[in-house]
Amino acid sequence: MSQSVKTSDILTIRYALSTDTALILQLIKELAEYEKMEDQVVATEELLKEWIFEKEKAEVLIGEIGGKPVGFALFFHNFSTFLGKAGIYLEDLYVKPEFRGFGYGTLFLKKLAEIAVERGCGRLEWWCLDWNTPSIEFYKSKGAVPMDEWTVYRVSGQQLEDLAK
């Protein structure tokens, strides 16, 4: 899809509605393709609708120019015991390739920071793949600090089932 983008194009960021579920899944799949992780996407529209809009376990921001999707940010609240208050965890931030380099990623982060401040949150945080140098440099340019002294651990699938027994 060839689109002409100008830096003067105005990005509108809005909260997603349940009617955006198909779009959210499409954007998740595009992100997975970019991250070379397509085989890991098992999400469906039904699951997203249930967990995001019915159970309200996450929130999604959609960025648009003239009603056309530019990207999305999916986030949820976590909690810092040391700060004694909630934070915002950014699970995914994705801007379509043809819209990169125009400051739209910055606008998404700015909106998330505004939400965190409005809600009294103590921090905004996320993970980034080690190989994703463009994103790492972008995040550092916004004042983000890597948490190199921490290692992420995960239990999922059969190991999660086994641990629960």
N, C-alpha and C. Protein backbone atom coordinates (compact mmCIF):
# COMPACT_ATOMS: atom_id res chain seq x y z
N MET A 1 0.86 -1.18 0.00
CA MET A 1 0.00 0.00 0.00
C MET A 1 0.89 1.23 0.00
N SER A 2 0.78 2.00 -1.02
CA SER A 2 1.59 3.21 -1.13
C SER A 2 0.75 4.41 -0.69
N GLN A 3 1.24 5.07 0.35
CA GLN A 3 0.55 6.25 0.84
C GLN A 3 1.54 7.39 0.92
N SER A 4 1.09 8.55 0.59
CA SER A 4 1.93 9.73 0.72
C SER A 4 1.69 10.31 2.10
N VAL A 5 2.76 10.47 2.85
CA VAL A 5 2.65 11.01 4.20
C VAL A 5 3.48 12.27 4.27
N LYS A 6 2.91 13.28 4.87
CA LYS A 6 3.64 14.53 5.08
C LYS A 6 3.76 14.76 6.58
N THR A 7 4.81 15.45 6.98
CA THR A 7 4.97 15.73 8.40
C THR A 7 3.84 16.62 8.91
N SER A 8 3.13 17.28 8.01
CA SER A 8 2.02 18.14 8.44
C SER A 8 0.73 17.35 8.65
N ASP A 9 0.72 16.06 8.25
CA ASP A 9 -0.46 15.24 8.48
C ASP A 9 -0.69 15.11 9.99
N ILE A 10 -1.93 15.29 10.40
CA ILE A 10 -2.25 15.29 11.83
C ILE A 10 -2.66 13.90 12.27
N LEU A 11 -1.95 13.40 13.28
CA LEU A 11 -2.26 12.11 13.86
C LEU A 11 -3.28 12.31 14.97
N THR A 12 -4.34 11.54 14.90
CA THR A 12 -5.34 11.51 15.96
C THR A 12 -5.16 10.21 16.72
N ILE A 13 -5.06 10.29 18.03
CA ILE A 13 -4.94 9.09 18.86
C ILE A 13 -6.20 8.99 19.70
N ARG A 14 -6.84 7.82 19.59
CA ARG A 14 -8.10 7.61 20.31
C ARG A 14 -8.07 6.24 21.00
N TYR A 15 -8.92 6.08 22.00
CA TYR A 15 -9.08 4.78 22.62
C TYR A 15 -9.85 3.87 21.66
N ALA A 16 -9.40 2.63 21.57
CA ALA A 16 -10.07 1.66 20.71
C ALA A 16 -11.43 1.30 21.29
N LEU A 17 -12.34 0.95 20.38
CA LEU A 17 -13.66 0.45 20.74
C LEU A 17 -13.72 -1.03 20.37
N SER A 18 -14.71 -1.73 20.90
CA SER A 18 -14.82 -3.16 20.58
C SER A 18 -14.99 -3.39 19.08
N THR A 19 -15.52 -2.41 18.38
CA THR A 19 -15.67 -2.52 16.93
C THR A 19 -14.31 -2.46 16.21
N ASP A 20 -13.25 -2.12 16.92
CA ASP A 20 -11.90 -2.08 16.36
C ASP A 20 -11.15 -3.40 16.52
N THR A 21 -11.80 -4.42 17.03
CA THR A 21 -11.12 -5.67 17.35
C THR A 21 -10.41 -6.28 16.14
N ALA A 22 -11.04 -6.30 14.97
CA ALA A 22 -10.40 -6.86 13.77
C ALA A 22 -9.17 -6.04 13.41
N LEU A 23 -9.25 -4.73 13.52
CA LEU A 23 -8.12 -3.85 13.23
C LEU A 23 -6.98 -4.12 14.21
N ILE A 24 -7.30 -4.26 15.48
CA ILE A 24 -6.27 -4.53 16.49
C ILE A 24 -5.54 -5.83 16.16
N LEU A 25 -6.28 -6.86 15.81
CA LEU A 25 -5.65 -8.14 15.46
C LEU A 25 -4.78 -7.99 14.22
N GLN A 26 -5.25 -7.25 13.24
CA GLN A 26 -4.45 -7.01 12.03
C GLN A 26 -3.13 -6.32 12.38
N LEU A 27 -3.19 -5.30 13.23
CA LEU A 27 -1.99 -4.58 13.63
C LEU A 27 -1.05 -5.45 14.46
N ILE A 28 -1.61 -6.30 15.30
CA ILE A 28 -0.79 -7.25 16.07
C ILE A 28 -0.05 -8.18 15.12
N LYS A 29 -0.73 -8.66 14.10
CA LYS A 29 -0.10 -9.55 13.13
C LYS A 29 1.00 -8.84 12.34
N GLU A 30 0.78 -7.57 12.01
CA GLU A 30 1.81 -6.79 11.31
C GLU A 30 3.03 -6.61 12.21
N LEU A 31 2.80 -6.33 13.48
CA LEU A 31 3.90 -6.20 14.44
C LEU A 31 4.66 -7.52 14.54
N ALA A 32 3.94 -8.61 14.65
CA ALA A 32 4.57 -9.93 14.75
C ALA A 32 5.43 -10.22 13.52
N GLU A 33 4.94 -9.83 12.36
CA GLU A 33 5.72 -10.02 11.14
C GLU A 33 7.01 -9.21 11.21
N TYR A 34 6.92 -7.96 11.64
CA TYR A 34 8.10 -7.11 11.78
C TYR A 34 9.10 -7.73 12.74
N GLU A 35 8.60 -8.31 13.84
CA GLU A 35 9.46 -8.89 14.86
C GLU A 35 9.87 -10.33 14.54
N LYS A 36 9.45 -10.83 13.37
CA LYS A 36 9.75 -12.20 12.94
C LYS A 36 9.21 -13.21 13.94
N MET A 37 7.99 -12.97 14.41
CA MET A 37 7.36 -13.82 15.42
C MET A 37 5.93 -14.20 15.02
N GLU A 38 5.66 -14.22 13.71
CA GLU A 38 4.29 -14.50 13.25
C GLU A 38 3.74 -15.80 13.80
N ASP A 39 4.62 -16.80 13.93
CA ASP A 39 4.19 -18.12 14.39
C ASP A 39 3.72 -18.11 15.84
N GLN A 40 3.99 -17.05 16.57
CA GLN A 40 3.60 -16.99 17.98
C GLN A 40 2.24 -16.33 18.21
N VAL A 41 1.65 -15.76 17.17
CA VAL A 41 0.35 -15.11 17.33
C VAL A 41 -0.76 -16.16 17.30
N VAL A 42 -1.38 -16.35 18.44
CA VAL A 42 -2.53 -17.25 18.53
C VAL A 42 -3.79 -16.47 18.92
N ALA A 43 -3.64 -15.17 19.10
CA ALA A 43 -4.78 -14.32 19.45
C ALA A 43 -5.83 -14.38 18.33
N THR A 44 -7.07 -14.28 18.74
CA THR A 44 -8.20 -14.22 17.81
C THR A 44 -9.02 -12.98 18.15
N GLU A 45 -9.90 -12.61 17.26
CA GLU A 45 -10.79 -11.48 17.55
C GLU A 45 -11.61 -11.76 18.81
N GLU A 46 -12.06 -12.99 18.96
CA GLU A 46 -12.87 -13.35 20.12
C GLU A 46 -12.09 -13.18 21.42
N LEU A 47 -10.83 -13.66 21.43
CA LEU A 47 -10.01 -13.53 22.63
C LEU A 47 -9.73 -12.06 22.94
N LEU A 48 -9.38 -11.29 21.92
CA LEU A 48 -9.10 -9.87 22.15
C LEU A 48 -10.33 -9.13 22.67
N LYS A 49 -11.47 -9.42 22.07
CA LYS A 49 -12.70 -8.76 22.52
C LYS A 49 -12.98 -9.10 23.98
N GLU A 50 -12.82 -10.37 24.33
CA GLU A 50 -13.07 -10.81 25.71
C GLU A 50 -12.12 -10.13 26.70
N TRP A 51 -10.83 -10.19 26.44
CA TRP A 51 -9.84 -9.73 27.41
C TRP A 51 -9.66 -8.22 27.44
N ILE A 52 -9.81 -7.57 26.29
CA ILE A 52 -9.63 -6.12 26.26
C ILE A 52 -10.93 -5.38 26.60
N PHE A 53 -12.03 -5.80 25.99
CA PHE A 53 -13.25 -5.01 26.11
C PHE A 53 -14.26 -5.54 27.13
N GLU A 54 -14.29 -6.85 27.35
CA GLU A 54 -15.23 -7.40 28.33
C GLU A 54 -14.60 -7.47 29.72
N LYS A 55 -13.42 -8.08 29.80
CA LYS A 55 -12.74 -8.20 31.10
C LYS A 55 -11.93 -6.95 31.44
N GLU A 56 -11.72 -6.07 30.45
CA GLU A 56 -11.00 -4.80 30.62
C GLU A 56 -9.63 -4.99 31.26
N LYS A 57 -8.86 -5.96 30.74
CA LYS A 57 -7.52 -6.24 31.27
C LYS A 57 -6.44 -5.46 30.54
N ALA A 58 -6.78 -4.81 29.46
CA ALA A 58 -5.83 -3.99 28.71
C ALA A 58 -6.60 -2.88 28.02
N GLU A 59 -5.86 -1.87 27.58
CA GLU A 59 -6.43 -0.78 26.82
C GLU A 59 -5.63 -0.62 25.54
N VAL A 60 -6.27 -0.09 24.51
CA VAL A 60 -5.61 0.08 23.23
C VAL A 60 -5.85 1.50 22.74
N LEU A 61 -4.77 2.11 22.27
CA LEU A 61 -4.86 3.39 21.58
C LEU A 61 -4.64 3.12 20.10
N ILE A 62 -5.47 3.75 19.28
CA ILE A 62 -5.35 3.65 17.82
C ILE A 62 -4.94 5.02 17.31
N GLY A 63 -3.90 5.05 16.48
CA GLY A 63 -3.49 6.28 15.83
C GLY A 63 -4.00 6.29 14.41
N GLU A 64 -4.58 7.42 14.00
CA GLU A 64 -5.16 7.52 12.65
C GLU A 64 -4.81 8.87 12.03
N ILE A 65 -4.71 8.83 10.72
CA ILE A 65 -4.62 10.05 9.92
C ILE A 65 -5.76 9.99 8.92
N GLY A 66 -6.65 10.94 9.00
CA GLY A 66 -7.79 10.95 8.09
C GLY A 66 -8.62 9.68 8.16
N GLY A 67 -8.71 9.08 9.35
CA GLY A 67 -9.49 7.86 9.54
C GLY A 67 -8.76 6.59 9.14
N LYS A 68 -7.53 6.70 8.64
CA LYS A 68 -6.76 5.51 8.25
C LYS A 68 -5.79 5.15 9.36
N PRO A 69 -5.73 3.86 9.74
CA PRO A 69 -4.87 3.46 10.85
C PRO A 69 -3.38 3.62 10.53
N VAL A 70 -2.67 4.19 11.50
CA VAL A 70 -1.23 4.41 11.42
C VAL A 70 -0.50 3.42 12.32
N GLY A 71 -1.12 3.08 13.46
CA GLY A 71 -0.51 2.18 14.42
C GLY A 71 -1.35 2.06 15.66
N PHE A 72 -0.77 1.39 16.66
CA PHE A 72 -1.50 1.19 17.91
C PHE A 72 -0.53 1.06 19.07
N ALA A 73 -1.08 1.22 20.26
CA ALA A 73 -0.36 0.96 21.50
C ALA A 73 -1.31 0.20 22.41
N LEU A 74 -0.84 -0.94 22.91
CA LEU A 74 -1.64 -1.73 23.86
C LEU A 74 -0.93 -1.67 25.20
N PHE A 75 -1.67 -1.31 26.25
CA PHE A 75 -1.07 -1.14 27.57
C PHE A 75 -2.03 -1.58 28.66
N PHE A 76 -1.47 -1.75 29.86
CA PHE A 76 -2.28 -2.11 31.03
C PHE A 76 -1.54 -1.61 32.27
N HIS A 77 -2.24 -1.64 33.39
CA HIS A 77 -1.62 -1.21 34.64
C HIS A 77 -0.88 -2.36 35.30
N ASN A 78 0.28 -2.04 35.85
CA ASN A 78 0.99 -2.94 36.73
C ASN A 78 1.10 -2.23 38.08
N PHE A 79 1.88 -2.76 38.99
CA PHE A 79 1.98 -2.14 40.30
C PHE A 79 3.41 -2.23 40.81
N SER A 80 3.90 -1.13 41.37
CA SER A 80 5.22 -1.10 41.99
C SER A 80 5.06 -1.12 43.50
N THR A 81 5.54 -2.18 44.12
CA THR A 81 5.48 -2.22 45.58
C THR A 81 6.40 -1.17 46.20
N PHE A 82 7.52 -0.88 45.56
CA PHE A 82 8.44 0.11 46.10
C PHE A 82 7.87 1.52 46.01
N LEU A 83 7.19 1.82 44.90
CA LEU A 83 6.57 3.14 44.77
C LEU A 83 5.23 3.22 45.50
N GLY A 84 4.61 2.05 45.68
CA GLY A 84 3.31 2.03 46.35
C GLY A 84 2.18 2.51 45.47
N LYS A 85 2.39 2.44 44.16
CA LYS A 85 1.34 2.88 43.24
C LYS A 85 1.46 2.16 41.91
N ALA A 86 0.43 2.31 41.11
CA ALA A 86 0.38 1.67 39.80
C ALA A 86 1.30 2.35 38.81
N GLY A 87 1.63 1.61 37.79
CA GLY A 87 2.35 2.14 36.65
C GLY A 87 1.62 1.71 35.39
N ILE A 88 2.12 2.12 34.27
CA ILE A 88 1.57 1.66 32.99
C ILE A 88 2.65 0.83 32.32
N TYR A 89 2.24 -0.36 31.90
CA TYR A 89 3.13 -1.24 31.15
C TYR A 89 2.67 -1.22 29.69
N LEU A 90 3.56 -0.81 28.82
CA LEU A 90 3.29 -0.77 27.39
C LEU A 90 3.66 -2.12 26.81
N GLU A 91 2.68 -2.91 26.44
CA GLU A 91 2.94 -4.23 25.88
C GLU A 91 3.43 -4.12 24.44
N ASP A 92 2.76 -3.31 23.65
CA ASP A 92 3.14 -3.16 22.25
C ASP A 92 2.91 -1.74 21.77
N LEU A 93 3.87 -1.25 21.01
CA LEU A 93 3.74 0.01 20.29
C LEU A 93 4.16 -0.29 18.87
N TYR A 94 3.28 -0.02 17.93
CA TYR A 94 3.57 -0.34 16.53
C TYR A 94 3.10 0.80 15.64
N VAL A 95 3.99 1.26 14.78
CA VAL A 95 3.66 2.22 13.75
C VAL A 95 3.97 1.56 12.42
N LYS A 96 2.99 1.58 11.51
CA LYS A 96 3.18 0.96 10.19
C LYS A 96 4.43 1.53 9.52
N PRO A 97 5.17 0.70 8.79
CA PRO A 97 6.43 1.15 8.18
C PRO A 97 6.33 2.43 7.37
N GLU A 98 5.27 2.58 6.60
CA GLU A 98 5.15 3.76 5.74
C GLU A 98 4.91 5.05 6.52
N PHE A 99 4.61 4.92 7.83
CA PHE A 99 4.36 6.10 8.67
C PHE A 99 5.49 6.38 9.65
N ARG A 100 6.57 5.61 9.56
CA ARG A 100 7.69 5.82 10.48
C ARG A 100 8.52 7.02 10.04
N GLY A 101 9.15 7.65 11.03
CA GLY A 101 10.02 8.78 10.74
C GLY A 101 9.33 10.13 10.73
N PHE A 102 8.06 10.16 11.09
CA PHE A 102 7.29 11.41 11.09
C PHE A 102 6.93 11.88 12.50
N GLY A 103 7.43 11.17 13.52
CA GLY A 103 7.17 11.57 14.90
C GLY A 103 5.93 10.94 15.51
N TYR A 104 5.30 10.01 14.81
CA TYR A 104 4.07 9.41 15.34
C TYR A 104 4.33 8.50 16.54
N GLY A 105 5.47 7.80 16.53
CA GLY A 105 5.84 7.00 17.70
C GLY A 105 6.01 7.88 18.93
N THR A 106 6.62 9.02 18.74
CA THR A 106 6.78 9.99 19.83
C THR A 106 5.42 10.43 20.35
N LEU A 107 4.48 10.67 19.45
CA LEU A 107 3.15 11.10 19.88
C LEU A 107 2.43 10.01 20.68
N PHE A 108 2.62 8.75 20.28
CA PHE A 108 2.06 7.65 21.08
C PHE A 108 2.66 7.64 22.48
N LEU A 109 3.99 7.74 22.59
CA LEU A 109 4.63 7.74 23.91
C LEU A 109 4.19 8.95 24.73
N LYS A 110 4.06 10.09 24.09
CA LYS A 110 3.59 11.30 24.79
C LYS A 110 2.19 11.08 25.34
N LYS A 111 1.31 10.49 24.54
CA LYS A 111 -0.05 10.21 25.00
C LYS A 111 -0.04 9.24 26.17
N LEU A 112 0.79 8.20 26.09
CA LEU A 112 0.88 7.25 27.20
C LEU A 112 1.41 7.92 28.46
N ALA A 113 2.39 8.79 28.31
CA ALA A 113 2.92 9.53 29.46
C ALA A 113 1.84 10.43 30.06
N GLU A 114 1.06 11.08 29.21
CA GLU A 114 -0.04 11.92 29.69
C GLU A 114 -1.04 11.09 30.49
N ILE A 115 -1.39 9.92 29.98
CA ILE A 115 -2.32 9.03 30.68
C ILE A 115 -1.74 8.62 32.03
N ALA A 116 -0.46 8.25 32.04
CA ALA A 116 0.19 7.85 33.30
C ALA A 116 0.15 8.99 34.32
N VAL A 117 0.47 10.19 33.88
CA VAL A 117 0.47 11.34 34.79
C VAL A 117 -0.95 11.64 35.27
N GLU A 118 -1.93 11.65 34.35
CA GLU A 118 -3.33 11.91 34.73
C GLU A 118 -3.83 10.90 35.75
N ARG A 119 -3.41 9.66 35.64
CA ARG A 119 -3.87 8.60 36.54
C ARG A 119 -3.02 8.48 37.79
N GLY A 120 -2.01 9.32 37.93
CA GLY A 120 -1.17 9.29 39.12
C GLY A 120 -0.19 8.13 39.16
N CYS A 121 0.12 7.57 38.02
CA CYS A 121 1.02 6.42 37.96
C CYS A 121 2.46 6.85 38.23
N GLY A 122 3.24 5.92 38.75
CA GLY A 122 4.62 6.20 39.10
C GLY A 122 5.61 6.02 37.96
N ARG A 123 5.21 5.28 36.92
CA ARG A 123 6.15 5.05 35.82
C ARG A 123 5.44 4.48 34.60
N LEU A 124 6.14 4.56 33.49
CA LEU A 124 5.74 3.97 32.22
C LEU A 124 6.90 3.10 31.80
N GLU A 125 6.63 1.82 31.53
CA GLU A 125 7.72 0.93 31.17
C GLU A 125 7.30 -0.08 30.12
N TRP A 126 8.31 -0.69 29.48
CA TRP A 126 8.08 -1.66 28.42
C TRP A 126 9.35 -2.47 28.20
N TRP A 127 9.24 -3.51 27.41
CA TRP A 127 10.39 -4.30 26.98
C TRP A 127 10.65 -3.99 25.52
N CYS A 128 11.87 -4.25 25.09
CA CYS A 128 12.23 -4.11 23.69
C CYS A 128 13.19 -5.23 23.34
N LEU A 129 12.98 -5.84 22.19
CA LEU A 129 13.87 -6.91 21.75
C LEU A 129 15.29 -6.38 21.57
N ASP A 130 16.26 -7.16 22.01
CA ASP A 130 17.67 -6.73 21.97
C ASP A 130 18.16 -6.38 20.57
N TRP A 131 17.64 -7.04 19.55
CA TRP A 131 18.10 -6.80 18.18
C TRP A 131 17.48 -5.56 17.54
N ASN A 132 16.45 -5.00 18.18
CA ASN A 132 15.69 -3.92 17.58
C ASN A 132 16.37 -2.56 17.83
N THR A 133 17.52 -2.39 17.23
CA THR A 133 18.33 -1.19 17.43
C THR A 133 17.58 0.11 17.11
N PRO A 134 16.80 0.18 16.02
CA PRO A 134 16.09 1.44 15.76
C PRO A 134 15.16 1.83 16.90
N SER A 135 14.44 0.86 17.46
CA SER A 135 13.53 1.16 18.56
C SER A 135 14.31 1.51 19.82
N ILE A 136 15.40 0.79 20.10
CA ILE A 136 16.21 1.09 21.28
C ILE A 136 16.72 2.52 21.23
N GLU A 137 17.24 2.92 20.09
CA GLU A 137 17.75 4.29 19.95
C GLU A 137 16.63 5.31 20.09
N PHE A 138 15.46 4.99 19.52
CA PHE A 138 14.30 5.87 19.64
C PHE A 138 13.92 6.04 21.11
N TYR A 139 13.80 4.93 21.84
CA TYR A 139 13.40 5.00 23.25
C TYR A 139 14.42 5.77 24.08
N LYS A 140 15.70 5.52 23.84
CA LYS A 140 16.73 6.25 24.58
C LYS A 140 16.65 7.75 24.30
N SER A 141 16.32 8.11 23.05
CA SER A 141 16.21 9.53 22.71
C SER A 141 15.06 10.21 23.44
N LYS A 142 14.13 9.42 23.94
CA LYS A 142 12.99 9.96 24.69
C LYS A 142 13.24 9.95 26.19
N GLY A 143 14.44 9.56 26.60
CA GLY A 143 14.78 9.55 28.02
C GLY A 143 14.60 8.21 28.70
N ALA A 144 14.25 7.18 27.95
CA ALA A 144 14.07 5.85 28.54
C ALA A 144 15.44 5.28 28.92
N VAL A 145 15.47 4.56 30.02
CA VAL A 145 16.70 3.97 30.54
C VAL A 145 16.55 2.45 30.53
N PRO A 146 17.50 1.74 29.90
CA PRO A 146 17.40 0.27 29.91
C PRO A 146 17.64 -0.28 31.31
N MET A 147 16.91 -1.31 31.65
CA MET A 147 17.04 -1.95 32.96
C MET A 147 17.93 -3.18 32.82
N ASP A 148 19.20 -2.95 32.49
CA ASP A 148 20.12 -4.04 32.17
C ASP A 148 20.37 -5.00 33.32
N GLU A 149 20.14 -4.57 34.53
CA GLU A 149 20.42 -5.43 35.68
C GLU A 149 19.30 -6.42 35.98
N TRP A 150 18.25 -6.40 35.16
CA TRP A 150 17.11 -7.29 35.37
C TRP A 150 17.04 -8.32 34.24
N THR A 151 16.62 -9.52 34.58
CA THR A 151 16.39 -10.57 33.59
C THR A 151 14.93 -10.93 33.63
N VAL A 152 14.30 -10.98 32.49
CA VAL A 152 12.88 -11.33 32.40
C VAL A 152 12.75 -12.85 32.46
N TYR A 153 11.83 -13.33 33.27
CA TYR A 153 11.52 -14.75 33.33
C TYR A 153 10.08 -14.95 32.93
N ARG A 154 9.81 -16.09 32.33
CA ARG A 154 8.46 -16.37 31.86
C ARG A 154 8.14 -17.84 32.05
N VAL A 155 6.92 -18.11 32.47
CA VAL A 155 6.39 -19.46 32.53
C VAL A 155 5.11 -19.43 31.71
N SER A 156 5.00 -20.30 30.71
CA SER A 156 3.81 -20.33 29.87
C SER A 156 3.56 -21.74 29.38
N GLY A 157 2.44 -21.91 28.69
CA GLY A 157 2.11 -23.20 28.10
C GLY A 157 2.07 -24.32 29.12
N GLN A 158 2.67 -25.45 28.77
CA GLN A 158 2.64 -26.63 29.63
C GLN A 158 3.35 -26.38 30.96
N GLN A 159 4.43 -25.59 30.93
CA GLN A 159 5.13 -25.29 32.19
C GLN A 159 4.23 -24.51 33.14
N LEU A 160 3.41 -23.63 32.62
CA LEU A 160 2.46 -22.89 33.46
C LEU A 160 1.43 -23.85 34.04
N GLU A 161 0.92 -24.73 33.20
CA GLU A 161 -0.06 -25.73 33.66
C GLU A 161 0.56 -26.60 34.76
N ASP A 162 1.79 -27.05 34.56
CA ASP A 162 2.47 -27.89 35.54
C ASP A 162 2.69 -27.15 36.85
N LEU A 163 3.11 -25.89 36.77
CA LEU A 163 3.35 -25.10 37.97
C LEU A 163 2.07 -24.89 38.76
N ALA A 164 0.95 -24.78 38.07
CA ALA A 164 -0.34 -24.53 38.73
C ALA A 164 -0.85 -25.76 39.49
N LYS A 165 -0.30 -26.91 39.18
CA LYS A 165 -0.78 -28.15 39.83
C LYS A 165 -0.24 -28.29 41.24
